[in-house]
Structures are given as structure tokens and as C-alpha cells.
Amino acid sequence: MTIQVDAADFATAVEVASWVASMVAMLIMGLIVYFMVRPSRRSRRRDSEAETLQLEEMVQLMERMERRLETLERAIRDEHEAPQFLETGAERAEYGRTK
């Protein structure tokens, strides 16, 4: 039994092998980068504790911002509901210019 391989078949085999090798190399490089940048298990535990503290601070900050927003909305609403008969400083007699 003989196997005949011409140049076109050999070139196709080399091309397929290069594609497979480049894909495997890319996956290996990705795995290496992943292991280099991932935090250690001990720091992940500490980070989870820090994240809970950070989350509590964020909730407090959001509540304070909501209170401030309510105050601002109330001030704007009161400003628009104020009577319009009040005179401004330039229109009042005692604040006007005299020569």
C-alpha cells in the first residue's frame, strides 16, 4: 500500500497545523495572563470584607444625597409657589438710587 502526497496536500496540512498551533498558543498566552493578573485567594477574602464596608458607605452616601435632593426639590417648589407681589431690591423705594 502506498500513500501519495503531492505538494498541494502538504501545503494544506502545514496551513491547518499552523492555524491549530496559533490557536493553542493564543489560549496558553491567555491562561498565563489570567494567572498573572488574578488576585490571590487570601486577598480575595480581604477584598470581600472591604467591599462590604465600601457598599455600606455607598448606601449612606446615596441616602444623604437623596435627602439633599428632597431639600433642593422643596426649595425649588417653594420658590415657584411664592407670591409674585414681592418687589425686588431695585424696585423698592428704600433701595433705589437717589441723586
PDB file of N, CA and C in Angstrom:
ATOM      1  N   MET A   1       0.837  -1.147   0.000  1.00  0.00           N
ATOM      2  CA  MET A   1       0.000   0.000   0.000  1.00  0.00           C
ATOM      3  C   MET A   1       0.900   1.234   0.000  1.00  0.00           C
ATOM      4  N   THR A   2       0.613   2.133  -0.873  1.00  0.00           N
ATOM      5  CA  THR A   2       1.419   3.356  -0.995  1.00  0.00           C
ATOM      6  C   THR A   2       0.528   4.576  -0.764  1.00  0.00           C
ATOM      7  N   ILE A   3       1.123   5.597  -0.194  1.00  0.00           N
ATOM      8  CA  ILE A   3       0.415   6.852   0.035  1.00  0.00           C
ATOM      9  C   ILE A   3       1.078   7.895  -0.839  1.00  0.00           C
ATOM     10  N   GLN A   4       0.257   8.564  -1.597  1.00  0.00           N
ATOM     11  CA  GLN A   4       0.786   9.604  -2.470  1.00  0.00           C
ATOM     12  C   GLN A   4       0.396  10.974  -1.904  1.00  0.00           C
ATOM     13  N   VAL A   5       1.390  11.789  -1.686  1.00  0.00           N
ATOM     14  CA  VAL A   5       1.174  13.136  -1.169  1.00  0.00           C
ATOM     15  C   VAL A   5       1.839  14.096  -2.129  1.00  0.00           C
ATOM     16  N   ASP A   6       1.048  14.944  -2.718  1.00  0.00           N
ATOM     17  CA  ASP A   6       1.642  15.940  -3.605  1.00  0.00           C
ATOM     18  C   ASP A   6       1.832  17.248  -2.832  1.00  0.00           C
ATOM     19  N   ALA A   7       2.349  18.240  -3.467  1.00  0.00           N
ATOM     20  CA  ALA A   7       2.715  19.495  -2.804  1.00  0.00           C
ATOM     21  C   ALA A   7       1.498  20.250  -2.275  1.00  0.00           C
ATOM     22  N   ALA A   8       0.379  20.205  -2.971  1.00  0.00           N
ATOM     23  CA  ALA A   8      -0.827  20.921  -2.541  1.00  0.00           C
ATOM     24  C   ALA A   8      -1.369  20.330  -1.241  1.00  0.00           C
ATOM     25  N   ASP A   9      -1.377  19.018  -1.138  1.00  0.00           N
ATOM     26  CA  ASP A   9      -1.842  18.376   0.094  1.00  0.00           C
ATOM     27  C   ASP A   9      -0.916  18.705   1.263  1.00  0.00           C
ATOM     28  N   PHE A  10       0.379  18.721   0.986  1.00  0.00           N
ATOM     29  CA  PHE A  10       1.350  19.045   2.032  1.00  0.00           C
ATOM     30  C   PHE A  10       1.183  20.502   2.488  1.00  0.00           C
ATOM     31  N   ALA A  11       0.974  21.407   1.585  1.00  0.00           N
ATOM     32  CA  ALA A  11       0.782  22.823   1.921  1.00  0.00           C
ATOM     33  C   ALA A  11      -0.495  23.013   2.744  1.00  0.00           C
ATOM     34  N   THR A  12      -1.558  22.288   2.394  1.00  0.00           N
ATOM     35  CA  THR A  12      -2.804  22.362   3.163  1.00  0.00           C
ATOM     36  C   THR A  12      -2.601  21.842   4.579  1.00  0.00           C
ATOM     37  N   ALA A  13      -1.877  20.752   4.720  1.00  0.00           N
ATOM     38  CA  ALA A  13      -1.605  20.195   6.045  1.00  0.00           C
ATOM     39  C   ALA A  13      -0.783  21.169   6.884  1.00  0.00           C
ATOM     40  N   VAL A  14       0.191  21.815   6.281  1.00  0.00           N
ATOM     41  CA  VAL A  14       1.015  22.788   7.003  1.00  0.00           C
ATOM     42  C   VAL A  14       0.155  23.989   7.427  1.00  0.00           C
ATOM     43  N   GLU A  15      -0.726  24.427   6.550  1.00  0.00           N
ATOM     44  CA  GLU A  15      -1.591  25.563   6.871  1.00  0.00           C
ATOM     45  C   GLU A  15      -2.538  25.235   8.035  1.00  0.00           C
ATOM     46  N   VAL A  16      -3.140  24.066   8.010  1.00  0.00           N
ATOM     47  CA  VAL A  16      -4.032  23.645   9.086  1.00  0.00           C
ATOM     48  C   VAL A  16      -3.248  23.517  10.388  1.00  0.00           C
ATOM     49  N   ALA A  17      -2.060  22.955  10.332  1.00  0.00           N
ATOM     50  CA  ALA A  17      -1.238  22.808  11.536  1.00  0.00           C
ATOM     51  C   ALA A  17      -0.853  24.177  12.103  1.00  0.00           C
ATOM     52  N   SER A  18      -0.566  25.129  11.248  1.00  0.00           N
ATOM     53  CA  SER A  18      -0.208  26.463  11.739  1.00  0.00           C
ATOM     54  C   SER A  18      -1.409  27.143  12.393  1.00  0.00           C
ATOM     55  N   TRP A  19      -2.612  26.967  11.824  1.00  0.00           N
ATOM     56  CA  TRP A  19      -3.814  27.533  12.441  1.00  0.00           C
ATOM     57  C   TRP A  19      -4.050  26.918  13.823  1.00  0.00           C
ATOM     58  N   VAL A  20      -3.950  25.618  13.908  1.00  0.00           N
ATOM     59  CA  VAL A  20      -4.174  24.938  15.188  1.00  0.00           C
ATOM     60  C   VAL A  20      -3.118  25.363  16.205  1.00  0.00           C
ATOM     61  N   ALA A  21      -1.873  25.431  15.791  1.00  0.00           N
ATOM     62  CA  ALA A  21      -0.799  25.821  16.705  1.00  0.00           C
ATOM     63  C   ALA A  21      -0.981  27.260  17.183  1.00  0.00           C
ATOM     64  N   SER A  22      -1.418  28.155  16.312  1.00  0.00           N
ATOM     65  CA  SER A  22      -1.610  29.549  16.730  1.00  0.00           C
ATOM     66  C   SER A  22      -2.782  29.666  17.709  1.00  0.00           C
ATOM     67  N   MET A  23      -3.841  28.890  17.485  1.00  0.00           N
ATOM     68  CA  MET A  23      -4.970  28.911  18.421  1.00  0.00           C
ATOM     69  C   MET A  23      -4.556  28.383  19.799  1.00  0.00           C
ATOM     70  N   VAL A  24      -3.812  27.292  19.827  1.00  0.00           N
ATOM     71  CA  VAL A  24      -3.345  26.729  21.089  1.00  0.00           C
ATOM     72  C   VAL A  24      -2.414  27.711  21.790  1.00  0.00           C
ATOM     73  N   ALA A  25      -1.522  28.356  21.045  1.00  0.00           N
ATOM     74  CA  ALA A  25      -0.609  29.337  21.639  1.00  0.00           C
ATOM     75  C   ALA A  25      -1.383  30.519  22.206  1.00  0.00           C
ATOM     76  N   MET A  26      -2.430  30.962  21.509  1.00  0.00           N
ATOM     77  CA  MET A  26      -3.248  32.068  21.997  1.00  0.00           C
ATOM     78  C   MET A  26      -3.946  31.699  23.305  1.00  0.00           C
ATOM     79  N   LEU A  27      -4.484  30.488  23.382  1.00  0.00           N
ATOM     80  CA  LEU A  27      -5.138  30.041  24.610  1.00  0.00           C
ATOM     81  C   LEU A  27      -4.145  29.939  25.768  1.00  0.00           C
ATOM     82  N   ILE A  28      -2.964  29.447  25.499  1.00  0.00           N
ATOM     83  CA  ILE A  28      -1.940  29.338  26.538  1.00  0.00           C
ATOM     84  C   ILE A  28      -1.518  30.721  27.027  1.00  0.00           C
ATOM     85  N   MET A  29      -1.346  31.661  26.101  1.00  0.00           N
ATOM     86  CA  MET A  29      -0.975  33.025  26.495  1.00  0.00           C
ATOM     87  C   MET A  29      -2.086  33.668  27.330  1.00  0.00           C
ATOM     88  N   GLY A  30      -3.329  33.442  26.947  1.00  0.00           N
ATOM     89  CA  GLY A  30      -4.447  33.963  27.726  1.00  0.00           C
ATOM     90  C   GLY A  30      -4.471  33.380  29.123  1.00  0.00           C
ATOM     91  N   LEU A  31      -4.211  32.113  29.254  1.00  0.00           N
ATOM     92  CA  LEU A  31      -4.165  31.465  30.560  1.00  0.00           C
ATOM     93  C   LEU A  31      -3.030  32.022  31.409  1.00  0.00           C
ATOM     94  N   ILE A  32      -1.883  32.252  30.797  1.00  0.00           N
ATOM     95  CA  ILE A  32      -0.747  32.835  31.524  1.00  0.00           C
ATOM     96  C   ILE A  32      -1.086  34.233  32.017  1.00  0.00           C
ATOM     97  N   VAL A  33      -1.694  35.040  31.158  1.00  0.00           N
ATOM     98  CA  VAL A  33      -2.073  36.401  31.561  1.00  0.00           C
ATOM     99  C   VAL A  33      -3.106  36.350  32.678  1.00  0.00           C
ATOM    100  N   TYR A  34      -4.051  35.432  32.591  1.00  0.00           N
ATOM    101  CA  TYR A  34      -5.068  35.291  33.637  1.00  0.00           C
ATOM    102  C   TYR A  34      -4.420  34.970  34.976  1.00  0.00           C
ATOM    103  N   PHE A  35      -3.484  34.041  34.996  1.00  0.00           N
ATOM    104  CA  PHE A  35      -2.826  33.683  36.249  1.00  0.00           C
ATOM    105  C   PHE A  35      -1.960  34.818  36.774  1.00  0.00           C
ATOM    106  N   MET A  36      -1.442  35.656  35.887  1.00  0.00           N
ATOM    107  CA  MET A  36      -0.613  36.772  36.328  1.00  0.00           C
ATOM    108  C   MET A  36      -1.440  37.884  36.964  1.00  0.00           C
ATOM    109  N   VAL A  37      -2.637  38.142  36.482  1.00  0.00           N
ATOM    110  CA  VAL A  37      -3.405  39.297  36.959  1.00  0.00           C
ATOM    111  C   VAL A  37      -4.448  38.958  38.013  1.00  0.00           C
ATOM    112  N   ARG A  38      -4.774  37.705  38.201  1.00  0.00           N
ATOM    113  CA  ARG A  38      -5.817  37.381  39.173  1.00  0.00           C
ATOM    114  C   ARG A  38      -5.265  37.564  40.580  1.00  0.00           C
ATOM    115  N   PRO A  39      -6.116  38.039  41.515  1.00  0.00           N
ATOM    116  CA  PRO A  39      -5.657  38.207  42.898  1.00  0.00           C
ATOM    117  C   PRO A  39      -5.562  36.858  43.598  1.00  0.00           C
ATOM    118  N   SER A  40      -4.749  36.814  44.627  1.00  0.00           N
ATOM    119  CA  SER A  40      -4.619  35.564  45.368  1.00  0.00           C
ATOM    120  C   SER A  40      -5.890  35.306  46.165  1.00  0.00           C
ATOM    121  N   ARG A  41      -6.053  34.109  46.651  1.00  0.00           N
ATOM    122  CA  ARG A  41      -7.266  33.750  47.386  1.00  0.00           C
ATOM    123  C   ARG A  41      -7.369  34.520  48.694  1.00  0.00           C
ATOM    124  N   ARG A  42      -6.234  34.730  49.356  1.00  0.00           N
ATOM    125  CA  ARG A  42      -6.258  35.463  50.621  1.00  0.00           C
ATOM    126  C   ARG A  42      -6.706  36.904  50.411  1.00  0.00           C
ATOM    127  N   SER A  43      -6.212  37.539  49.376  1.00  0.00           N
ATOM    128  CA  SER A  43      -6.612  38.929  49.149  1.00  0.00           C
ATOM    129  C   SER A  43      -8.057  39.011  48.686  1.00  0.00           C
ATOM    130  N   ARG A  44      -8.574  37.973  48.041  1.00  0.00           N
ATOM    131  CA  ARG A  44      -9.980  37.977  47.644  1.00  0.00           C
ATOM    132  C   ARG A  44     -10.886  37.992  48.863  1.00  0.00           C
ATOM    133  N   ARG A  45     -10.496  37.291  49.929  1.00  0.00           N
ATOM    134  CA  ARG A  45     -11.294  37.292  51.166  1.00  0.00           C
ATOM    135  C   ARG A  45     -11.274  38.674  51.803  1.00  0.00           C
ATOM    136  N   ARG A  46     -10.091  39.283  51.844  1.00  0.00           N
ATOM    137  CA  ARG A  46      -9.982  40.626  52.405  1.00  0.00           C
ATOM    138  C   ARG A  46     -10.743  41.630  51.548  1.00  0.00           C
ATOM    139  N   ASP A  47     -10.695  41.442  50.242  1.00  0.00           N
ATOM    140  CA  ASP A  47     -11.401  42.346  49.345  1.00  0.00           C
ATOM    141  C   ASP A  47     -12.904  42.252  49.548  1.00  0.00           C
ATOM    142  N   SER A  48     -13.413  41.053  49.840  1.00  0.00           N
ATOM    143  CA  SER A  48     -14.859  40.931  50.048  1.00  0.00           C
ATOM    144  C   SER A  48     -15.277  41.684  51.303  1.00  0.00           C
ATOM    145  N   GLU A  49     -14.435  41.668  52.337  1.00  0.00           N
ATOM    146  CA  GLU A  49     -14.743  42.439  53.539  1.00  0.00           C
ATOM    147  C   GLU A  49     -14.689  43.930  53.246  1.00  0.00           C
ATOM    148  N   ALA A  50     -13.702  44.344  52.479  1.00  0.00           N
ATOM    149  CA  ALA A  50     -13.581  45.752  52.117  1.00  0.00           C
ATOM    150  C   ALA A  50     -14.755  46.183  51.235  1.00  0.00           C
ATOM    151  N   GLU A  51     -15.201  45.291  50.377  1.00  0.00           N
ATOM    152  CA  GLU A  51     -16.329  45.627  49.506  1.00  0.00           C
ATOM    153  C   GLU A  51     -17.603  45.817  50.313  1.00  0.00           C
ATOM    154  N   THR A  52     -17.802  45.024  51.365  1.00  0.00           N
ATOM    155  CA  THR A  52     -19.000  45.210  52.184  1.00  0.00           C
ATOM    156  C   THR A  52     -18.955  46.546  52.907  1.00  0.00           C
ATOM    157  N   LEU A  53     -17.768  46.934  53.406  1.00  0.00           N
ATOM    158  CA  LEU A  53     -17.644  48.242  54.035  1.00  0.00           C
ATOM    159  C   LEU A  53     -17.865  49.357  53.021  1.00  0.00           C
ATOM    160  N   GLN A  54     -17.321  49.166  51.848  1.00  0.00           N
ATOM    161  CA  GLN A  54     -17.492  50.159  50.792  1.00  0.00           C
ATOM    162  C   GLN A  54     -18.960  50.258  50.380  1.00  0.00           C
ATOM    163  N   LEU A  55     -19.641  49.140  50.343  1.00  0.00           N
ATOM    164  CA  LEU A  55     -21.059  49.126  49.990  1.00  0.00           C
ATOM    165  C   LEU A  55     -21.877  49.886  51.035  1.00  0.00           C
ATOM    166  N   GLU A  56     -21.561  49.689  52.309  1.00  0.00           N
ATOM    167  CA  GLU A  56     -22.262  50.416  53.367  1.00  0.00           C
ATOM    168  C   GLU A  56     -22.037  51.916  53.238  1.00  0.00           C
ATOM    169  N   GLU A  57     -20.809  52.320  52.938  1.00  0.00           N
ATOM    170  CA  GLU A  57     -20.514  53.738  52.759  1.00  0.00           C
ATOM    171  C   GLU A  57     -21.283  54.308  51.574  1.00  0.00           C
ATOM    172  N   MET A  58     -21.364  53.541  50.492  1.00  0.00           N
ATOM    173  CA  MET A  58     -22.097  53.998  49.313  1.00  0.00           C
ATOM    174  C   MET A  58     -23.579  54.156  49.614  1.00  0.00           C
ATOM    175  N   VAL A  59     -24.145  53.233  50.388  1.00  0.00           N
ATOM    176  CA  VAL A  59     -25.562  53.329  50.747  1.00  0.00           C
ATOM    177  C   VAL A  59     -25.796  54.580  51.592  1.00  0.00           C
ATOM    178  N   GLN A  60     -24.904  54.852  52.546  1.00  0.00           N
ATOM    179  CA  GLN A  60     -25.032  56.058  53.367  1.00  0.00           C
ATOM    180  C   GLN A  60     -24.918  57.311  52.512  1.00  0.00           C
ATOM    181  N   LEU A  61     -23.985  57.298  51.567  1.00  0.00           N
ATOM    182  CA  LEU A  61     -23.816  58.440  50.678  1.00  0.00           C
ATOM    183  C   LEU A  61     -25.058  58.655  49.821  1.00  0.00           C
ATOM    184  N   MET A  62     -25.629  57.578  49.309  1.00  0.00           N
ATOM    185  CA  MET A  62     -26.839  57.696  48.492  1.00  0.00           C
ATOM    186  C   MET A  62     -28.002  58.237  49.311  1.00  0.00           C
ATOM    187  N   GLU A  63     -28.134  57.784  50.549  1.00  0.00           N
ATOM    188  CA  GLU A  63     -29.212  58.292  51.402  1.00  0.00           C
ATOM    189  C   GLU A  63     -29.038  59.783  51.670  1.00  0.00           C
ATOM    190  N   ARG A  64     -27.797  60.203  51.939  1.00  0.00           N
ATOM    191  CA  ARG A  64     -27.542  61.625  52.169  1.00  0.00           C
ATOM    192  C   ARG A  64     -27.829  62.447  50.922  1.00  0.00           C
ATOM    193  N   MET A  65     -27.474  61.923  49.752  1.00  0.00           N
ATOM    194  CA  MET A  65     -27.755  62.631  48.505  1.00  0.00           C
ATOM    195  C   MET A  65     -29.255  62.713  48.249  1.00  0.00           C
ATOM    196  N   GLU A  66     -29.998  61.666  48.586  1.00  0.00           N
ATOM    197  CA  GLU A  66     -31.448  61.702  48.421  1.00  0.00           C
ATOM    198  C   GLU A  66     -32.073  62.747  49.338  1.00  0.00           C
ATOM    199  N   ARG A  67     -31.574  62.869  50.581  1.00  0.00           N
ATOM    200  CA  ARG A  67     -32.090  63.895  51.485  1.00  0.00           C
ATOM    201  C   ARG A  67     -31.803  65.286  50.934  1.00  0.00           C
ATOM    202  N   ARG A  68     -30.612  65.473  50.399  1.00  0.00           N
ATOM    203  CA  ARG A  68     -30.269  66.772  49.814  1.00  0.00           C
ATOM    204  C   ARG A  68     -31.140  67.072  48.601  1.00  0.00           C
ATOM    205  N   LEU A  69     -31.399  66.061  47.797  1.00  0.00           N
ATOM    206  CA  LEU A  69     -32.253  66.251  46.630  1.00  0.00           C
ATOM    207  C   LEU A  69     -33.670  66.630  47.047  1.00  0.00           C
ATOM    208  N   GLU A  70     -34.179  65.976  48.087  1.00  0.00           N
ATOM    209  CA  GLU A  70     -35.512  66.333  48.582  1.00  0.00           C
ATOM    210  C   GLU A  70     -35.543  67.784  49.060  1.00  0.00           C
ATOM    211  N   THR A  71     -34.491  68.220  49.751  1.00  0.00           N
ATOM    212  CA  THR A  71     -34.415  69.605  50.209  1.00  0.00           C
ATOM    213  C   THR A  71     -34.382  70.563  49.030  1.00  0.00           C
ATOM    214  N   LEU A  72     -33.589  70.238  48.016  1.00  0.00           N
ATOM    215  CA  LEU A  72     -33.494  71.077  46.831  1.00  0.00           C
ATOM    216  C   LEU A  72     -34.820  71.141  46.094  1.00  0.00           C
ATOM    217  N   GLU A  73     -35.478  70.001  45.944  1.00  0.00           N
ATOM    218  CA  GLU A  73     -36.781  69.993  45.275  1.00  0.00           C
ATOM    219  C   GLU A  73     -37.793  70.824  46.054  1.00  0.00           C
ATOM    220  N   ARG A  74     -37.768  70.731  47.377  1.00  0.00           N
ATOM    221  CA  ARG A  74     -38.682  71.509  48.200  1.00  0.00           C
ATOM    222  C   ARG A  74     -38.395  73.004  48.051  1.00  0.00           C
ATOM    223  N   ALA A  75     -37.120  73.384  48.011  1.00  0.00           N
ATOM    224  CA  ALA A  75     -36.756  74.796  47.854  1.00  0.00           C
ATOM    225  C   ALA A  75     -37.206  75.323  46.495  1.00  0.00           C
ATOM    226  N   ILE A  76     -37.029  74.532  45.448  1.00  0.00           N
ATOM    227  CA  ILE A  76     -37.459  74.966  44.114  1.00  0.00           C
ATOM    228  C   ILE A  76     -38.971  75.073  44.051  1.00  0.00           C
ATOM    229  N   ARG A  77     -39.663  74.111  44.639  1.00  0.00           N
ATOM    230  CA  ARG A  77     -41.119  74.152  44.646  1.00  0.00           C
ATOM    231  C   ARG A  77     -41.617  75.375  45.415  1.00  0.00           C
ATOM    232  N   ASP A  78     -41.015  75.659  46.578  1.00  0.00           N
ATOM    233  CA  ASP A  78     -41.408  76.821  47.364  1.00  0.00           C
ATOM    234  C   ASP A  78     -41.121  78.126  46.627  1.00  0.00           C
ATOM    235  N   GLU A  79     -40.037  78.144  45.875  1.00  0.00           N
ATOM    236  CA  GLU A  79     -39.687  79.350  45.113  1.00  0.00           C
ATOM    237  C   GLU A  79     -40.739  79.637  44.047  1.00  0.00           C
ATOM    238  N   HIS A  80     -41.229  78.603  43.391  1.00  0.00           N
ATOM    239  CA  HIS A  80     -42.238  78.792  42.355  1.00  0.00           C
ATOM    240  C   HIS A  80     -43.614  79.073  42.948  1.00  0.00           C
ATOM    241  N   GLU A  81     -43.847  78.616  44.157  1.00  0.00           N
ATOM    242  CA  GLU A  81     -45.132  78.843  44.797  1.00  0.00           C
ATOM    243  C   GLU A  81     -45.173  80.151  45.568  1.00  0.00           C
ATOM    244  N   ALA A  82     -44.051  80.861  45.683  1.00  0.00           N
ATOM    245  CA  ALA A  82     -44.003  82.118  46.426  1.00  0.00           C
ATOM    246  C   ALA A  82     -44.879  83.151  45.732  1.00  0.00           C
ATOM    247  N   PRO A  83     -45.483  84.042  46.489  1.00  0.00           N
ATOM    248  CA  PRO A  83     -46.318  85.071  45.858  1.00  0.00           C
ATOM    249  C   PRO A  83     -45.478  85.985  44.979  1.00  0.00           C
ATOM    250  N   GLN A  84     -46.074  86.431  43.889  1.00  0.00           N
ATOM    251  CA  GLN A  84     -45.354  87.234  42.910  1.00  0.00           C
ATOM    252  C   GLN A  84     -45.445  88.729  43.196  1.00  0.00           C
ATOM    253  N   PHE A  85     -46.104  89.131  44.268  1.00  0.00           N
ATOM    254  CA  PHE A  85     -46.271  90.555  44.535  1.00  0.00           C
ATOM    255  C   PHE A  85     -45.074  91.155  45.261  1.00  0.00           C
ATOM    256  N   LEU A  86     -44.110  90.340  45.637  1.00  0.00           N
ATOM    257  CA  LEU A  86     -42.931  90.872  46.303  1.00  0.00           C
ATOM    258  C   LEU A  86     -42.092  91.670  45.325  1.00  0.00           C
ATOM    259  N   GLU A  87     -41.550  92.756  45.785  1.00  0.00           N
ATOM    260  CA  GLU A  87     -40.730  93.595  44.930  1.00  0.00           C
ATOM    261  C   GLU A  87     -39.273  93.176  45.057  1.00  0.00           C
ATOM    262  N   THR A  88     -38.545  93.340  43.991  1.00  0.00           N
ATOM    263  CA  THR A  88     -37.114  93.067  44.048  1.00  0.00           C
ATOM    264  C   THR A  88     -36.413  94.275  44.639  1.00  0.00           C
ATOM    265  N   GLY A  89     -35.153  94.169  44.905  1.00  0.00           N
ATOM    266  CA  GLY A  89     -34.400  95.246  45.538  1.00  0.00           C
ATOM    267  C   GLY A  89     -34.373  96.517  44.728  1.00  0.00           C
ATOM    268  N   ALA A  90     -34.267  96.417  43.402  1.00  0.00           N
ATOM    269  CA  ALA A  90     -34.194  97.613  42.567  1.00  0.00           C
ATOM    270  C   ALA A  90     -35.541  98.318  42.493  1.00  0.00           C
ATOM    271  N   GLU A  91     -36.650  97.599  42.678  1.00  0.00           N
ATOM    272  CA  GLU A  91     -37.979  98.187  42.559  1.00  0.00           C
ATOM    273  C   GLU A  91     -38.437  98.834  43.859  1.00  0.00           C
ATOM    274  N   ARG A  92     -37.856  98.485  44.980  1.00  0.00           N
ATOM    275  CA  ARG A  92     -38.286  99.038  46.261  1.00  0.00           C
ATOM    276  C   ARG A  92     -37.757 100.454  46.419  1.00  0.00           C
ATOM    277  N   ALA A  93     -38.532 101.309  47.027  1.00  0.00           N
ATOM    278  CA  ALA A  93     -38.188 102.726  47.139  1.00  0.00           C
ATOM    279  C   ALA A  93     -36.959 102.949  48.013  1.00  0.00           C
ATOM    280  N   GLU A  94     -36.855 102.217  49.116  1.00  0.00           N
ATOM    281  CA  GLU A  94     -35.751 102.499  50.037  1.00  0.00           C
ATOM    282  C   GLU A  94     -34.397 102.010  49.509  1.00  0.00           C
ATOM    283  N   TYR A  95     -34.418 101.132  48.509  1.00  0.00           N
ATOM    284  CA  TYR A  95     -33.161 100.643  47.941  1.00  0.00           C
ATOM    285  C   TYR A  95     -32.826 101.318  46.617  1.00  0.00           C
ATOM    286  N   GLY A  96     -33.671 102.144  46.128  1.00  0.00           N
ATOM    287  CA  GLY A  96     -33.429 102.785  44.841  1.00  0.00           C
ATOM    288  C   GLY A  96     -32.324 103.829  44.931  1.00  0.00           C
ATOM    289  N   ARG A  97     -31.778 104.213  43.817  1.00  0.00           N
ATOM    290  CA  ARG A  97     -30.713 105.218  43.790  1.00  0.00           C
ATOM    291  C   ARG A  97     -31.321 106.618  43.918  1.00  0.00           C
ATOM    292  N   THR A  98     -30.609 107.438  44.593  1.00  0.00           N
ATOM    293  CA  THR A  98     -31.021 108.838  44.691  1.00  0.00           C
ATOM    294  C   THR A  98     -29.831 109.701  44.357  1.00  0.00           C
ATOM    295  N   LYS A  99     -30.094 110.855  43.731  1.00  0.00           N
ATOM    296  CA  LYS A  99     -29.002 111.757  43.383  1.00  0.00           C
ATOM    297  C   LYS A  99     -29.085 113.017  44.154  1.00  0.00           C
TER     298      LYS A  99
END
